[in-house]
Each structure stands twice: as C-alpha cells, then as structure tokens.
Amino acid sequence: MFRRQFLASTAAGFTLLAANHVLAQENTAGVKPDLMQPGPLPEWILGRDDAPVTVIEYASMTCGHCANFHLNVWPAFKAEFIDTGKVRFILREFPFDPRATAAFMLSRCMGDDKWYPTVDLLFRNQQRWARAQDGKQGFLSVLSMTGLKEADLEACLSDQVLLDKVNAVAARGQELGVDSTPTFFINGEKYTGVMPIEQLRSIIEPLVAGAGK
C-alpha cells in the first residue's frame, strides 16, 4: 500500500518535470531564471553569506556520482573552502526517481538542524535503501537511528505540498540547464560531474583572489 500510494502521488510531479523539460528545450533562447532566486523550499546554506564564491549543487539522492562527491570530495572541500569562509554552498533537489524524491522529502521532514546530517546519512548508506526490494523498510533500516518511526515516514511521504515543492525545485533546475547530476554552478558557471578537489581548487582559488582585488 505504501509503495503504491507514494508512486501514485509522485506521478503528477514527474509529469510536470517532463513538461517543464520540453518547455526548457523549446525556450533555450529565452531568459533563464535568476540562479540565486530562492525556490519554493528554504535554501540550506552552508558557509558565510558574504563568501566570495557561491557553489550550488543540483543532486539526486539515488545518484552514485553524487554520493561519491559527498563521501570522497566533500570533507576536503568543506574544510578548505567552506570552513575558511571562501565558499557558501547550497544543495538543491534534483531527484531522478521516486526513491530519490522520497529521500529528499524525508530529509526535509527531519527539521532544519537535522537536514544535512540526514542527507549525509542517506548518501553513506545509499545501497541499503536505494536498492532495497522494499523501499519503506530500506528507509526505516537507515533512518530508524534518527528516531524516525513508520508513522512519521508515512506522514512525510503523504505531504503533497512538500512533494510539489521538491518537484518545483527540480523543474526550475531544468530551466537552468540541469540535465544530469551532480551539476554545479560556481559563481554562475555550470560544471557537470564529480570534480576532484584539485579541479575545484583550480576554479575557486582564482575567483577568491579576484574578489580580494
């Protein structure tokens, strides 16, 4: 019942994404929306508001490359750029499938202070829930340590308003040209795929230096 209900509730959202993707392709000559304009969900910003460089990542929670970035590149990236005040980082939802949508919704339902820890936990245990035969049990097996109960999961994934907002964030990403994950915008410039810390450093350090002149 859970799986059938959730898949049915996401159908309209994915239809909207497909329609928006067609519109984005048909309007490539038009003006793209302001990259920094907040979407319908609160932006979770890590780093100083006055950092000279802004990095926005569009990710899917079931994306192996996204998990690779957050597990293997993120710790060095955070220490070198976010903790030192050089970068402010924004992660935006771009789910490619219902389980990725569910994962983002559950992360949002955890509350502001638990949002990124939940994202991190789900990335670290991606195989346990993303590939599980029973999606509900997969999520519960990972998130039960946070205190999540089955009733909480059901309530979160039944929130049509939240579902619509997650889909709207993704649809807007498509308008900005996002068609794969991870996609990064570094001070407005688009980069796709996982980049090693050396490549990120070669992009970010000149921007930091230029801001100091």
N, C-alpha and C. Protein backbone atom coordinates (compact mmCIF):
# COMPACT_ATOMS: atom_id res chain seq x y z
N MET A 1 0.83 -1.20 0.00
CA MET A 1 0.00 0.00 0.00
C MET A 1 0.87 1.26 0.00
N PHE A 2 1.89 1.26 0.85
CA PHE A 2 2.77 2.43 0.93
C PHE A 2 3.38 2.76 -0.41
N ARG A 3 3.96 1.75 -1.05
CA ARG A 3 4.65 1.99 -2.31
C ARG A 3 3.67 2.46 -3.39
N ARG A 4 2.50 1.84 -3.46
CA ARG A 4 1.52 2.21 -4.46
C ARG A 4 1.05 3.65 -4.26
N GLN A 5 0.80 4.02 -3.01
CA GLN A 5 0.35 5.38 -2.72
C GLN A 5 1.41 6.40 -3.08
N PHE A 6 2.67 6.10 -2.72
CA PHE A 6 3.71 7.09 -2.98
C PHE A 6 3.99 7.23 -4.47
N LEU A 7 4.04 6.12 -5.18
CA LEU A 7 4.25 6.20 -6.62
C LEU A 7 3.12 6.95 -7.30
N ALA A 8 1.91 6.74 -6.84
CA ALA A 8 0.78 7.46 -7.43
C ALA A 8 0.90 8.95 -7.14
N SER A 9 1.34 9.29 -5.93
CA SER A 9 1.44 10.71 -5.58
C SER A 9 2.54 11.41 -6.33
N THR A 10 3.56 10.66 -6.75
CA THR A 10 4.66 11.29 -7.48
C THR A 10 4.39 11.38 -8.97
N ALA A 11 3.40 10.68 -9.47
CA ALA A 11 3.17 10.64 -10.92
C ALA A 11 2.93 12.03 -11.48
N ALA A 12 2.11 12.81 -10.81
CA ALA A 12 1.81 14.16 -11.31
C ALA A 12 3.07 15.01 -11.32
N GLY A 13 3.90 14.83 -10.28
CA GLY A 13 5.12 15.62 -10.21
C GLY A 13 6.08 15.31 -11.34
N PHE A 14 6.22 14.05 -11.68
CA PHE A 14 7.15 13.68 -12.75
C PHE A 14 6.59 14.06 -14.11
N THR A 15 5.25 14.08 -14.25
CA THR A 15 4.65 14.59 -15.48
C THR A 15 4.98 16.06 -15.64
N LEU A 16 4.92 16.81 -14.51
CA LEU A 16 5.25 18.22 -14.54
C LEU A 16 6.70 18.42 -14.94
N LEU A 17 7.60 17.60 -14.41
CA LEU A 17 9.01 17.72 -14.76
C LEU A 17 9.22 17.48 -16.24
N ALA A 18 8.57 16.48 -16.79
CA ALA A 18 8.72 16.20 -18.21
C ALA A 18 8.22 17.37 -19.05
N ALA A 19 7.09 17.93 -18.66
CA ALA A 19 6.54 19.07 -19.40
C ALA A 19 7.47 20.26 -19.33
N ASN A 20 8.02 20.52 -18.14
CA ASN A 20 8.93 21.65 -17.98
C ASN A 20 10.21 21.44 -18.77
N HIS A 21 10.66 20.18 -18.87
CA HIS A 21 11.86 19.90 -19.64
C HIS A 21 11.63 20.24 -21.12
N VAL A 22 10.45 19.90 -21.65
CA VAL A 22 10.13 20.24 -23.03
C VAL A 22 10.10 21.75 -23.20
N LEU A 23 9.48 22.44 -22.24
CA LEU A 23 9.42 23.90 -22.32
C LEU A 23 10.80 24.51 -22.30
N ALA A 24 11.67 23.97 -21.44
CA ALA A 24 13.04 24.49 -21.37
C ALA A 24 13.76 24.30 -22.69
N GLN A 25 13.56 23.16 -23.34
CA GLN A 25 14.19 22.92 -24.63
C GLN A 25 13.64 23.85 -25.70
N GLU A 26 12.33 24.14 -25.63
CA GLU A 26 11.72 24.99 -26.64
C GLU A 26 12.04 26.46 -26.45
N ASN A 27 12.51 26.83 -25.22
CA ASN A 27 12.74 28.23 -24.93
C ASN A 27 14.21 28.49 -24.61
N THR A 28 15.11 27.81 -25.28
CA THR A 28 16.53 27.97 -24.98
C THR A 28 17.02 29.36 -25.29
N ALA A 29 16.31 30.09 -26.16
CA ALA A 29 16.72 31.45 -26.48
C ALA A 29 16.18 32.44 -25.46
N GLY A 30 15.30 31.99 -24.56
CA GLY A 30 14.71 32.89 -23.58
C GLY A 30 15.65 33.17 -22.43
N VAL A 31 15.19 34.03 -21.53
CA VAL A 31 15.99 34.40 -20.38
C VAL A 31 15.82 33.34 -19.30
N LYS A 32 16.92 32.83 -18.79
CA LYS A 32 16.85 31.84 -17.72
C LYS A 32 16.53 32.54 -16.41
N PRO A 33 15.87 31.84 -15.49
CA PRO A 33 15.58 32.45 -14.20
C PRO A 33 16.86 32.74 -13.43
N ASP A 34 16.77 33.69 -12.53
CA ASP A 34 17.92 34.07 -11.72
C ASP A 34 18.38 32.87 -10.90
N LEU A 35 19.61 32.48 -11.07
CA LEU A 35 20.15 31.31 -10.38
C LEU A 35 20.04 31.43 -8.87
N MET A 36 20.22 32.65 -8.36
CA MET A 36 20.24 32.84 -6.92
C MET A 36 18.85 33.07 -6.33
N GLN A 37 17.83 33.13 -7.15
CA GLN A 37 16.48 33.34 -6.63
C GLN A 37 16.03 32.10 -5.87
N PRO A 38 15.66 32.23 -4.60
CA PRO A 38 15.23 31.05 -3.83
C PRO A 38 14.01 30.41 -4.45
N GLY A 39 13.95 29.09 -4.37
CA GLY A 39 12.79 28.36 -4.87
C GLY A 39 11.71 28.27 -3.80
N PRO A 40 10.77 27.34 -3.96
CA PRO A 40 9.66 27.22 -3.01
C PRO A 40 10.06 26.58 -1.69
N LEU A 41 11.25 26.00 -1.63
CA LEU A 41 11.74 25.43 -0.38
C LEU A 41 12.86 26.31 0.18
N PRO A 42 13.00 26.36 1.50
CA PRO A 42 14.09 27.15 2.09
C PRO A 42 15.44 26.64 1.59
N GLU A 43 16.33 27.57 1.32
CA GLU A 43 17.69 27.20 0.91
C GLU A 43 18.51 26.87 2.15
N TRP A 44 19.11 25.68 2.15
CA TRP A 44 20.01 25.34 3.25
C TRP A 44 21.41 25.76 2.83
N ILE A 45 21.91 26.81 3.46
CA ILE A 45 23.20 27.39 3.08
C ILE A 45 24.26 27.02 4.11
N LEU A 46 25.34 26.44 3.64
CA LEU A 46 26.49 26.14 4.49
C LEU A 46 27.60 27.12 4.13
N GLY A 47 28.12 27.82 5.12
CA GLY A 47 29.17 28.80 4.87
C GLY A 47 28.68 30.21 5.11
N ARG A 48 29.58 31.15 5.01
CA ARG A 48 29.28 32.55 5.28
C ARG A 48 28.47 33.18 4.15
N ASP A 49 27.52 34.04 4.51
CA ASP A 49 26.71 34.71 3.49
C ASP A 49 27.54 35.64 2.62
N ASP A 50 28.64 36.15 3.16
CA ASP A 50 29.47 37.09 2.40
C ASP A 50 30.68 36.42 1.75
N ALA A 51 30.65 35.09 1.65
CA ALA A 51 31.74 34.38 0.98
C ALA A 51 31.87 34.85 -0.46
N PRO A 52 33.08 34.99 -0.99
CA PRO A 52 33.25 35.50 -2.35
C PRO A 52 32.80 34.53 -3.44
N VAL A 53 32.65 33.26 -3.10
CA VAL A 53 32.27 32.25 -4.09
C VAL A 53 31.03 31.50 -3.60
N THR A 54 30.08 31.34 -4.50
CA THR A 54 28.88 30.56 -4.20
C THR A 54 28.87 29.32 -5.09
N VAL A 55 28.73 28.17 -4.46
CA VAL A 55 28.64 26.90 -5.18
C VAL A 55 27.26 26.31 -4.94
N ILE A 56 26.54 26.07 -6.02
CA ILE A 56 25.21 25.45 -5.94
C ILE A 56 25.31 24.08 -6.60
N GLU A 57 24.91 23.06 -5.88
CA GLU A 57 24.89 21.70 -6.44
C GLU A 57 23.46 21.23 -6.61
N TYR A 58 23.14 20.73 -7.79
CA TYR A 58 21.89 20.00 -8.02
C TYR A 58 22.23 18.52 -7.97
N ALA A 59 21.56 17.79 -7.06
CA ALA A 59 21.90 16.39 -6.84
C ALA A 59 20.65 15.53 -6.78
N SER A 60 20.84 14.25 -7.05
CA SER A 60 19.79 13.25 -6.84
C SER A 60 20.29 12.28 -5.78
N MET A 61 19.44 11.94 -4.83
CA MET A 61 19.88 11.10 -3.72
C MET A 61 20.20 9.67 -4.13
N THR A 62 19.68 9.21 -5.27
CA THR A 62 19.99 7.87 -5.74
C THR A 62 21.16 7.86 -6.72
N CYS A 63 21.76 9.01 -6.97
CA CYS A 63 22.86 9.15 -7.92
C CYS A 63 24.18 8.69 -7.27
N GLY A 64 24.81 7.67 -7.84
CA GLY A 64 26.07 7.18 -7.30
C GLY A 64 27.18 8.21 -7.38
N HIS A 65 27.19 9.02 -8.44
CA HIS A 65 28.22 10.06 -8.58
C HIS A 65 28.04 11.14 -7.51
N CYS A 66 26.79 11.45 -7.17
CA CYS A 66 26.53 12.43 -6.12
C CYS A 66 27.02 11.90 -4.77
N ALA A 67 26.75 10.63 -4.51
CA ALA A 67 27.24 10.02 -3.27
C ALA A 67 28.76 10.03 -3.24
N ASN A 68 29.39 9.77 -4.38
CA ASN A 68 30.84 9.80 -4.48
C ASN A 68 31.39 11.17 -4.08
N PHE A 69 30.76 12.23 -4.60
CA PHE A 69 31.21 13.58 -4.25
C PHE A 69 31.08 13.82 -2.75
N HIS A 70 29.93 13.50 -2.20
CA HIS A 70 29.70 13.84 -0.79
C HIS A 70 30.49 12.95 0.17
N LEU A 71 30.87 11.78 -0.26
CA LEU A 71 31.66 10.91 0.61
C LEU A 71 33.15 11.13 0.44
N ASN A 72 33.60 11.38 -0.79
CA ASN A 72 35.04 11.38 -1.05
C ASN A 72 35.65 12.74 -1.34
N VAL A 73 34.84 13.69 -1.77
CA VAL A 73 35.37 15.03 -2.07
C VAL A 73 34.90 16.05 -1.03
N TRP A 74 33.67 15.91 -0.58
CA TRP A 74 33.06 16.87 0.31
C TRP A 74 33.88 17.18 1.57
N PRO A 75 34.41 16.19 2.30
CA PRO A 75 35.15 16.53 3.52
C PRO A 75 36.31 17.51 3.27
N ALA A 76 37.10 17.27 2.23
CA ALA A 76 38.21 18.18 1.92
C ALA A 76 37.68 19.51 1.40
N PHE A 77 36.61 19.48 0.59
CA PHE A 77 36.01 20.70 0.06
C PHE A 77 35.50 21.58 1.20
N LYS A 78 34.80 20.98 2.14
CA LYS A 78 34.25 21.74 3.27
C LYS A 78 35.37 22.35 4.11
N ALA A 79 36.38 21.55 4.41
CA ALA A 79 37.47 22.05 5.25
C ALA A 79 38.25 23.18 4.59
N GLU A 80 38.48 23.04 3.28
CA GLU A 80 39.33 24.01 2.58
C GLU A 80 38.59 25.28 2.18
N PHE A 81 37.31 25.16 1.86
CA PHE A 81 36.62 26.31 1.29
C PHE A 81 35.45 26.84 2.12
N ILE A 82 34.66 25.95 2.71
CA ILE A 82 33.51 26.42 3.47
C ILE A 82 33.92 26.88 4.86
N ASP A 83 34.70 26.05 5.54
CA ASP A 83 35.10 26.39 6.91
C ASP A 83 36.02 27.60 6.97
N THR A 84 36.67 27.91 5.87
CA THR A 84 37.58 29.06 5.84
C THR A 84 36.90 30.34 5.35
N GLY A 85 35.61 30.26 5.02
CA GLY A 85 34.89 31.45 4.62
C GLY A 85 35.01 31.81 3.15
N LYS A 86 35.59 30.94 2.35
CA LYS A 86 35.76 31.24 0.93
C LYS A 86 34.53 30.92 0.10
N VAL A 87 33.75 29.93 0.53
CA VAL A 87 32.62 29.44 -0.26
C VAL A 87 31.38 29.33 0.61
N ARG A 88 30.26 29.72 0.04
CA ARG A 88 28.97 29.32 0.61
C ARG A 88 28.38 28.29 -0.34
N PHE A 89 27.80 27.26 0.24
CA PHE A 89 27.38 26.08 -0.52
C PHE A 89 25.88 25.87 -0.36
N ILE A 90 25.21 25.61 -1.48
CA ILE A 90 23.78 25.36 -1.47
C ILE A 90 23.52 24.05 -2.21
N LEU A 91 22.79 23.15 -1.59
CA LEU A 91 22.40 21.89 -2.22
C LEU A 91 20.93 21.96 -2.58
N ARG A 92 20.60 21.69 -3.85
CA ARG A 92 19.22 21.72 -4.31
C ARG A 92 18.78 20.36 -4.83
N GLU A 93 17.50 20.09 -4.67
CA GLU A 93 16.93 18.80 -5.03
C GLU A 93 16.76 18.66 -6.54
N PHE A 94 17.23 17.53 -7.07
CA PHE A 94 17.01 17.20 -8.48
C PHE A 94 16.82 15.68 -8.59
N PRO A 95 15.74 15.16 -7.99
CA PRO A 95 15.55 13.70 -7.99
C PRO A 95 15.20 13.16 -9.36
N PHE A 96 15.78 12.01 -9.69
CA PHE A 96 15.52 11.36 -10.97
C PHE A 96 14.49 10.24 -10.87
N ASP A 97 14.11 9.87 -9.66
CA ASP A 97 13.19 8.74 -9.49
C ASP A 97 12.45 8.90 -8.17
N PRO A 98 11.39 8.11 -7.95
CA PRO A 98 10.58 8.26 -6.74
C PRO A 98 11.36 8.06 -5.45
N ARG A 99 12.32 7.16 -5.42
CA ARG A 99 13.05 6.96 -4.16
C ARG A 99 13.94 8.15 -3.84
N ALA A 100 14.51 8.77 -4.86
CA ALA A 100 15.30 9.98 -4.61
C ALA A 100 14.39 11.09 -4.10
N THR A 101 13.19 11.19 -4.67
CA THR A 101 12.23 12.17 -4.18
C THR A 101 11.88 11.90 -2.73
N ALA A 102 11.62 10.65 -2.41
CA ALA A 102 11.29 10.28 -1.03
C ALA A 102 12.43 10.62 -0.08
N ALA A 103 13.66 10.36 -0.50
CA ALA A 103 14.81 10.65 0.35
C ALA A 103 14.93 12.14 0.64
N PHE A 104 14.71 12.97 -0.38
CA PHE A 104 14.75 14.41 -0.16
C PHE A 104 13.62 14.86 0.76
N MET A 105 12.43 14.30 0.56
CA MET A 105 11.30 14.66 1.42
C MET A 105 11.57 14.29 2.86
N LEU A 106 12.10 13.11 3.09
CA LEU A 106 12.39 12.67 4.46
C LEU A 106 13.45 13.56 5.10
N SER A 107 14.44 13.98 4.32
CA SER A 107 15.47 14.87 4.85
C SER A 107 14.86 16.19 5.28
N ARG A 108 13.93 16.71 4.47
CA ARG A 108 13.25 17.96 4.82
C ARG A 108 12.38 17.79 6.06
N CYS A 109 11.73 16.63 6.19
CA CYS A 109 10.85 16.40 7.33
C CYS A 109 11.59 16.26 8.65
N MET A 110 12.89 16.03 8.59
CA MET A 110 13.67 15.87 9.81
C MET A 110 13.86 17.18 10.57
N GLY A 111 13.65 18.29 9.89
CA GLY A 111 13.85 19.58 10.55
C GLY A 111 15.15 20.23 10.14
N ASP A 112 15.23 21.54 10.36
CA ASP A 112 16.36 22.32 9.87
C ASP A 112 17.71 21.80 10.38
N ASP A 113 17.79 21.52 11.68
CA ASP A 113 19.09 21.16 12.26
C ASP A 113 19.52 19.74 11.88
N LYS A 114 18.58 18.94 11.38
CA LYS A 114 18.92 17.55 11.02
C LYS A 114 18.94 17.33 9.51
N TRP A 115 18.71 18.41 8.75
CA TRP A 115 18.61 18.24 7.30
C TRP A 115 19.89 17.68 6.70
N TYR A 116 21.00 18.39 6.82
CA TYR A 116 22.21 17.87 6.17
C TYR A 116 22.72 16.58 6.80
N PRO A 117 22.68 16.43 8.13
CA PRO A 117 23.07 15.12 8.68
C PRO A 117 22.26 13.96 8.10
N THR A 118 20.97 14.21 7.80
CA THR A 118 20.16 13.15 7.19
C THR A 118 20.57 12.90 5.76
N VAL A 119 20.83 13.97 4.99
CA VAL A 119 21.34 13.82 3.63
C VAL A 119 22.64 13.02 3.64
N ASP A 120 23.52 13.36 4.56
CA ASP A 120 24.81 12.67 4.66
C ASP A 120 24.61 11.20 5.01
N LEU A 121 23.73 10.93 5.95
CA LEU A 121 23.45 9.55 6.36
C LEU A 121 22.90 8.73 5.19
N LEU A 122 22.00 9.32 4.42
CA LEU A 122 21.41 8.61 3.28
C LEU A 122 22.44 8.37 2.18
N PHE A 123 23.31 9.34 1.93
CA PHE A 123 24.36 9.11 0.95
C PHE A 123 25.30 8.00 1.41
N ARG A 124 25.63 7.98 2.68
CA ARG A 124 26.56 6.98 3.19
C ARG A 124 25.98 5.57 3.14
N ASN A 125 24.68 5.48 3.19
CA ASN A 125 24.01 4.18 3.18
C ASN A 125 23.14 4.00 1.95
N GLN A 126 23.56 4.62 0.84
CA GLN A 126 22.73 4.66 -0.36
C GLN A 126 22.29 3.28 -0.83
N GLN A 127 23.19 2.32 -0.81
CA GLN A 127 22.86 0.99 -1.32
C GLN A 127 21.78 0.31 -0.49
N ARG A 128 21.71 0.62 0.79
CA ARG A 128 20.77 -0.07 1.69
C ARG A 128 19.33 0.32 1.40
N TRP A 129 19.08 1.58 1.01
CA TRP A 129 17.70 1.99 0.77
C TRP A 129 17.38 2.17 -0.71
N ALA A 130 18.36 2.62 -1.50
CA ALA A 130 18.09 2.87 -2.92
C ALA A 130 17.90 1.58 -3.69
N ARG A 131 18.54 0.50 -3.27
CA ARG A 131 18.47 -0.77 -3.99
C ARG A 131 17.62 -1.80 -3.25
N ALA A 132 17.05 -1.42 -2.12
CA ALA A 132 16.26 -2.37 -1.33
C ALA A 132 15.00 -2.78 -2.08
N GLN A 133 14.62 -4.03 -1.96
CA GLN A 133 13.40 -4.51 -2.62
C GLN A 133 12.18 -3.82 -2.05
N ASP A 134 12.16 -3.61 -0.75
CA ASP A 134 11.07 -2.91 -0.08
C ASP A 134 11.57 -1.52 0.29
N GLY A 135 11.09 -0.51 -0.42
CA GLY A 135 11.58 0.84 -0.21
C GLY A 135 11.35 1.36 1.19
N LYS A 136 10.18 1.11 1.74
CA LYS A 136 9.87 1.58 3.09
C LYS A 136 10.81 0.99 4.12
N GLN A 137 11.01 -0.31 4.05
CA GLN A 137 11.90 -0.96 5.01
C GLN A 137 13.34 -0.51 4.81
N GLY A 138 13.70 -0.23 3.56
CA GLY A 138 15.04 0.28 3.31
C GLY A 138 15.29 1.60 4.00
N PHE A 139 14.33 2.52 3.87
CA PHE A 139 14.47 3.81 4.55
C PHE A 139 14.47 3.64 6.07
N LEU A 140 13.57 2.81 6.57
CA LEU A 140 13.49 2.63 8.02
C LEU A 140 14.77 2.01 8.58
N SER A 141 15.39 1.12 7.81
CA SER A 141 16.60 0.46 8.30
C SER A 141 17.74 1.47 8.49
N VAL A 142 17.72 2.52 7.69
CA VAL A 142 18.77 3.54 7.78
C VAL A 142 18.38 4.65 8.74
N LEU A 143 17.14 5.10 8.67
CA LEU A 143 16.73 6.30 9.41
C LEU A 143 16.17 6.00 10.78
N SER A 144 15.99 4.74 11.14
CA SER A 144 15.49 4.43 12.47
C SER A 144 16.43 4.94 13.55
N MET A 145 17.73 5.03 13.24
CA MET A 145 18.70 5.53 14.22
C MET A 145 18.49 7.01 14.53
N THR A 146 17.75 7.70 13.67
CA THR A 146 17.45 9.12 13.92
C THR A 146 16.18 9.28 14.75
N GLY A 147 15.49 8.17 15.03
CA GLY A 147 14.24 8.22 15.76
C GLY A 147 13.02 8.19 14.86
N LEU A 148 13.23 8.08 13.54
CA LEU A 148 12.11 8.05 12.61
C LEU A 148 11.29 6.78 12.80
N LYS A 149 9.98 6.95 12.93
CA LYS A 149 9.05 5.84 13.05
C LYS A 149 8.30 5.65 11.74
N GLU A 150 7.71 4.47 11.58
CA GLU A 150 6.98 4.19 10.34
C GLU A 150 5.87 5.21 10.11
N ALA A 151 5.17 5.60 11.19
CA ALA A 151 4.10 6.58 11.05
C ALA A 151 4.64 7.92 10.58
N ASP A 152 5.83 8.29 11.07
CA ASP A 152 6.45 9.55 10.64
C ASP A 152 6.79 9.50 9.16
N LEU A 153 7.32 8.36 8.72
CA LEU A 153 7.67 8.19 7.31
C LEU A 153 6.42 8.31 6.43
N GLU A 154 5.36 7.61 6.83
CA GLU A 154 4.12 7.65 6.06
C GLU A 154 3.57 9.07 5.98
N ALA A 155 3.61 9.78 7.10
CA ALA A 155 3.07 11.15 7.12
C ALA A 155 3.89 12.07 6.23
N CYS A 156 5.21 11.93 6.28
CA CYS A 156 6.09 12.78 5.47
C CYS A 156 5.85 12.56 3.99
N LEU A 157 5.80 11.31 3.58
CA LEU A 157 5.67 11.00 2.15
C LEU A 157 4.25 11.17 1.64
N SER A 158 3.32 11.49 2.54
CA SER A 158 1.95 11.80 2.13
C SER A 158 1.73 13.31 2.01
N ASP A 159 2.78 14.08 2.26
CA ASP A 159 2.68 15.54 2.23
C ASP A 159 2.75 16.03 0.78
N GLN A 160 1.60 16.24 0.16
CA GLN A 160 1.54 16.63 -1.24
C GLN A 160 2.18 18.00 -1.47
N VAL A 161 2.04 18.90 -0.52
CA VAL A 161 2.63 20.24 -0.66
C VAL A 161 4.15 20.14 -0.74
N LEU A 162 4.74 19.34 0.15
CA LEU A 162 6.19 19.15 0.13
C LEU A 162 6.63 18.48 -1.17
N LEU A 163 5.89 17.48 -1.62
CA LEU A 163 6.22 16.80 -2.88
C LEU A 163 6.21 17.80 -4.03
N ASP A 164 5.19 18.64 -4.08
CA ASP A 164 5.11 19.62 -5.16
C ASP A 164 6.29 20.58 -5.13
N LYS A 165 6.72 20.95 -3.94
CA LYS A 165 7.82 21.89 -3.82
C LYS A 165 9.15 21.25 -4.25
N VAL A 166 9.37 20.00 -3.89
CA VAL A 166 10.58 19.30 -4.33
C VAL A 166 10.60 19.22 -5.85
N ASN A 167 9.47 18.85 -6.44
CA ASN A 167 9.39 18.77 -7.90
C ASN A 167 9.58 20.13 -8.55
N ALA A 168 9.11 21.19 -7.91
CA ALA A 168 9.26 22.54 -8.46
C ALA A 168 10.72 22.97 -8.46
N VAL A 169 11.46 22.61 -7.40
CA VAL A 169 12.89 22.92 -7.36
C VAL A 169 13.60 22.23 -8.52
N ALA A 170 13.25 20.97 -8.77
CA ALA A 170 13.88 20.22 -9.87
C ALA A 170 13.50 20.81 -11.22
N ALA A 171 12.23 21.18 -11.37
CA ALA A 171 11.77 21.75 -12.63
C ALA A 171 12.51 23.05 -12.93
N ARG A 172 12.74 23.84 -11.91
CA ARG A 172 13.47 25.09 -12.11
C ARG A 172 14.93 24.81 -12.46
N GLY A 173 15.48 23.75 -11.89
CA GLY A 173 16.83 23.35 -12.26
C GLY A 173 16.93 23.03 -13.74
N GLN A 174 15.90 22.36 -14.27
CA GLN A 174 15.88 22.06 -15.70
C GLN A 174 15.85 23.34 -16.52
N GLU A 175 15.13 24.35 -16.05
CA GLU A 175 15.10 25.62 -16.76
C GLU A 175 16.49 26.26 -16.80
N LEU A 176 17.29 25.95 -15.80
CA LEU A 176 18.67 26.48 -15.74
C LEU A 176 19.65 25.63 -16.54
N GLY A 177 19.17 24.54 -17.13
CA GLY A 177 20.02 23.71 -17.96
C GLY A 177 20.53 22.45 -17.30
N VAL A 178 20.02 22.14 -16.12
CA VAL A 178 20.46 20.92 -15.43
C VAL A 178 19.78 19.72 -16.07
N ASP A 179 20.58 18.75 -16.50
CA ASP A 179 20.02 17.52 -17.07
C ASP A 179 20.76 16.28 -16.59
N SER A 180 21.68 16.45 -15.66
CA SER A 180 22.39 15.32 -15.08
C SER A 180 22.87 15.72 -13.69
N THR A 181 23.23 14.71 -12.91
CA THR A 181 23.72 15.00 -11.56
C THR A 181 25.04 14.28 -11.31
N PRO A 182 25.91 14.90 -10.51
CA PRO A 182 25.74 16.24 -9.96
C PRO A 182 26.04 17.32 -10.99
N THR A 183 25.32 18.44 -10.89
CA THR A 183 25.63 19.64 -11.66
C THR A 183 25.95 20.74 -10.67
N PHE A 184 27.05 21.43 -10.91
CA PHE A 184 27.48 22.52 -10.02
C PHE A 184 27.45 23.84 -10.78
N PHE A 185 27.02 24.87 -10.08
CA PHE A 185 27.16 26.25 -10.57
C PHE A 185 28.12 26.95 -9.62
N ILE A 186 29.25 27.38 -10.15
CA ILE A 186 30.27 28.06 -9.34
C ILE A 186 30.32 29.50 -9.79
N ASN A 187 29.81 30.38 -8.94
CA ASN A 187 29.62 31.79 -9.30
C ASN A 187 28.94 31.92 -10.67
N GLY A 188 27.94 31.07 -10.88
CA GLY A 188 27.11 31.16 -12.07
C GLY A 188 27.56 30.29 -13.23
N GLU A 189 28.79 29.79 -13.21
CA GLU A 189 29.29 28.95 -14.30
C GLU A 189 28.94 27.49 -14.03
N LYS A 190 28.46 26.82 -15.06
CA LYS A 190 27.97 25.45 -14.91
C LYS A 190 29.08 24.42 -15.14
N TYR A 191 29.15 23.43 -14.25
CA TYR A 191 30.08 22.31 -14.37
C TYR A 191 29.30 21.03 -14.06
N THR A 192 29.56 19.97 -14.79
CA THR A 192 28.84 18.72 -14.57
C THR A 192 29.80 17.60 -14.18
N GLY A 193 29.28 16.67 -13.40
CA GLY A 193 30.07 15.51 -12.99
C GLY A 193 30.88 15.78 -11.74
N VAL A 194 31.38 14.69 -11.16
CA VAL A 194 32.20 14.81 -9.96
C VAL A 194 33.56 15.38 -10.33
N MET A 195 33.96 16.42 -9.62
CA MET A 195 35.26 17.03 -9.85
C MET A 195 36.16 16.76 -8.65
N PRO A 196 37.39 16.32 -8.87
CA PRO A 196 38.31 16.13 -7.74
C PRO A 196 38.62 17.47 -7.09
N ILE A 197 39.12 17.41 -5.88
CA ILE A 197 39.38 18.64 -5.14
C ILE A 197 40.38 19.53 -5.87
N GLU A 198 41.31 18.93 -6.60
CA GLU A 198 42.30 19.73 -7.34
C GLU A 198 41.63 20.58 -8.41
N GLN A 199 40.65 20.00 -9.10
CA GLN A 199 39.94 20.75 -10.14
C GLN A 199 39.10 21.86 -9.51
N LEU A 200 38.43 21.55 -8.42
CA LEU A 200 37.65 22.57 -7.74
C LEU A 200 38.54 23.70 -7.26
N ARG A 201 39.70 23.34 -6.77
CA ARG A 201 40.65 24.37 -6.29
C ARG A 201 41.09 25.28 -7.44
N SER A 202 41.31 24.68 -8.61
CA SER A 202 41.77 25.48 -9.75
C SER A 202 40.69 26.45 -10.23
N ILE A 203 39.43 26.14 -9.97
CA ILE A 203 38.33 27.02 -10.35
C ILE A 203 38.08 28.08 -9.28
N ILE A 204 38.08 27.65 -8.03
CA ILE A 204 37.66 28.52 -6.93
C ILE A 204 38.73 29.52 -6.52
N GLU A 205 39.99 29.10 -6.44
CA GLU A 205 41.03 30.00 -5.92
C GLU A 205 41.18 31.28 -6.75
N PRO A 206 41.14 31.22 -8.10
CA PRO A 206 41.21 32.48 -8.85
C PRO A 206 40.02 33.41 -8.58
N LEU A 207 38.85 32.83 -8.33
CA LEU A 207 37.68 33.64 -8.01
C LEU A 207 37.85 34.33 -6.66
N VAL A 208 38.41 33.60 -5.70
CA VAL A 208 38.68 34.19 -4.39
C VAL A 208 39.70 35.30 -4.49
N ALA A 209 40.76 35.02 -5.25
CA ALA A 209 41.82 36.03 -5.42
C ALA A 209 41.27 37.27 -6.12
N GLY A 210 40.44 37.07 -7.13
CA GLY A 210 39.88 38.19 -7.86
C GLY A 210 38.97 39.04 -6.99
N ALA A 211 38.26 38.38 -6.06
CA ALA A 211 37.36 39.13 -5.18
C ALA A 211 38.10 40.00 -4.20
N GLY A 212 39.37 39.62 -3.92
CA GLY A 212 40.17 40.38 -2.97
C GLY A 212 40.86 41.59 -3.55
N LYS A 213 40.77 41.78 -4.87
CA LYS A 213 41.47 42.89 -5.51
C LYS A 213 40.63 44.17 -5.44
